[in-house]
Amino acid sequence: MAEIVIHDTGQGIAKDALAKIFDPFFTTKNEGTGLGLAIAYRIMEDHQGTISVDSQEGSGTQFSIRIPLAEGKSENIASRMTTGAGTSKEDGHE
C-alpha cells in the first residue's frame, strides 16, 4: 500500500461534523455541494483503498489516503515526493 498523509494546523473539524464529512451533500460552508469528500471516499473504495481523517478542534486536521500499489511496483514514491524529484520551477511547480 502507498500512503499519502495531508495535514494542516487550521481550526480543525467540529466533533459533531466529523462523523458526517464523508456523507453526500454534507457541508459546513455557505456555498458548496458537499460532494467532494463523498466522491473521494467512493473513489478510494472503488480502488480498494481507504481515506480517513483525524481532527482536533483548534489543532488542525489530518487526512490519510491508502491505495494499493500495482503488482511488481516497489518504487519508493515517498522519497521522490519529498525531494521534489520530477518537478521544477520551470515546469510551473514549486
Protein backbone atom coordinates (compact mmCIF):
# COMPACT_ATOMS: atom_id res chain seq x y z
CA MET A 1 0.00 0.00 0.00
CA ALA A 2 1.03 3.56 -0.60
CA GLU A 3 0.02 6.13 1.97
CA ILE A 4 -0.45 9.84 1.43
CA VAL A 5 -0.88 11.99 4.53
CA ILE A 6 -2.08 15.57 4.31
CA HIS A 7 -2.30 17.72 7.42
CA ASP A 8 -2.81 21.31 8.39
CA THR A 9 -2.71 23.41 11.51
CA GLY A 10 -6.08 25.10 10.96
CA GLN A 11 -9.11 25.24 13.19
CA GLY A 12 -9.93 21.54 12.91
CA ILE A 13 -13.31 19.92 12.34
CA ALA A 14 -16.01 20.03 14.99
CA LYS A 15 -16.76 16.66 16.60
CA ASP A 16 -20.42 16.74 15.55
CA ALA A 17 -19.40 17.32 11.91
CA LEU A 18 -16.54 14.80 11.90
CA ALA A 19 -18.81 11.75 11.72
CA LYS A 20 -20.62 13.20 8.69
CA ILE A 21 -17.88 14.65 6.49
CA PHE A 22 -17.91 11.72 4.04
CA ASP A 23 -21.73 11.80 3.70
CA PRO A 24 -23.01 13.10 0.35
CA PHE A 25 -24.32 16.68 0.50
CA PHE A 26 -22.96 17.35 3.99
CA THR A 27 -21.22 20.71 4.18
CA THR A 28 -20.40 23.30 6.80
CA LYS A 29 -19.92 26.01 4.17
CA ASN A 30 -22.43 28.56 2.95
CA GLU A 31 -21.63 27.62 -0.63
CA GLY A 32 -20.69 24.22 -1.98
CA THR A 33 -22.30 20.92 -2.75
CA GLY A 34 -20.88 18.74 0.00
CA LEU A 35 -19.83 16.16 -2.58
CA GLY A 36 -16.03 16.46 -2.58
CA LEU A 37 -15.16 14.15 0.31
CA ALA A 38 -18.05 11.78 -0.51
CA ILE A 39 -16.64 11.37 -4.04
CA ALA A 40 -13.10 10.92 -2.72
CA TYR A 41 -14.36 8.23 -0.32
CA ARG A 42 -16.13 6.39 -3.13
CA ILE A 43 -13.07 6.54 -5.39
CA MET A 44 -10.92 5.04 -2.63
CA GLU A 45 -13.47 2.24 -2.07
CA ASP A 46 -13.64 1.51 -5.81
CA HIS A 47 -9.86 1.06 -5.88
CA GLN A 48 -9.60 -0.99 -2.67
CA GLY A 49 -8.12 1.94 -0.81
CA THR A 50 -9.13 3.97 2.21
CA ILE A 51 -9.39 7.58 3.26
CA SER A 52 -9.55 8.51 6.92
CA VAL A 53 -9.50 11.67 8.98
CA ASP A 54 -8.22 12.68 12.38
CA SER A 55 -9.05 16.15 13.64
CA GLN A 56 -8.82 18.08 16.86
CA GLU A 57 -10.63 21.38 17.19
CA GLY A 58 -8.05 24.14 17.45
CA SER A 59 -5.19 21.87 16.36
CA GLY A 60 -5.82 21.04 12.72
CA THR A 61 -6.80 18.07 10.62
CA GLN A 62 -5.01 15.12 9.05
CA PHE A 63 -6.30 13.04 6.14
CA SER A 64 -4.66 9.70 5.34
CA ILE A 65 -5.17 8.09 1.95
CA ARG A 66 -4.05 4.48 1.44
CA ILE A 67 -4.07 2.95 -2.02
CA PRO A 68 -2.78 -0.41 -3.19
CA LEU A 69 0.26 -0.47 -5.44
CA ALA A 70 0.16 -2.31 -8.72
CA GLU A 71 1.79 -5.74 -8.54
CA GLY A 72 5.51 -5.62 -9.12
CA LYS A 73 5.78 -1.92 -8.23
CA SER A 74 8.11 -1.25 -5.34
CA GLU A 75 9.46 2.18 -6.24
CA ASN A 76 9.77 4.47 -3.26
CA ILE A 77 7.33 7.16 -4.30
CA ALA A 78 7.57 8.97 -0.98
CA SER A 79 11.26 9.76 -1.44
CA ARG A 80 10.54 11.25 -4.86
CA MET A 81 7.75 13.39 -3.47
CA THR A 82 9.70 14.75 -0.50
CA THR A 83 12.79 15.53 -2.59
CA GLY A 84 10.75 17.19 -5.31
CA ALA A 85 12.18 14.90 -7.99
CA GLY A 86 10.49 15.44 -11.31
CA THR A 87 9.30 18.97 -10.62
CA SER A 88 10.93 22.31 -11.11
CA LYS A 89 10.04 25.98 -11.10
CA GLU A 90 10.43 25.96 -14.87
CA ASP A 91 7.63 23.38 -15.04
CA GLY A 92 5.39 25.70 -13.05
CA HIS A 93 5.67 23.59 -9.87
CA GLU A 94 7.18 24.80 -6.63
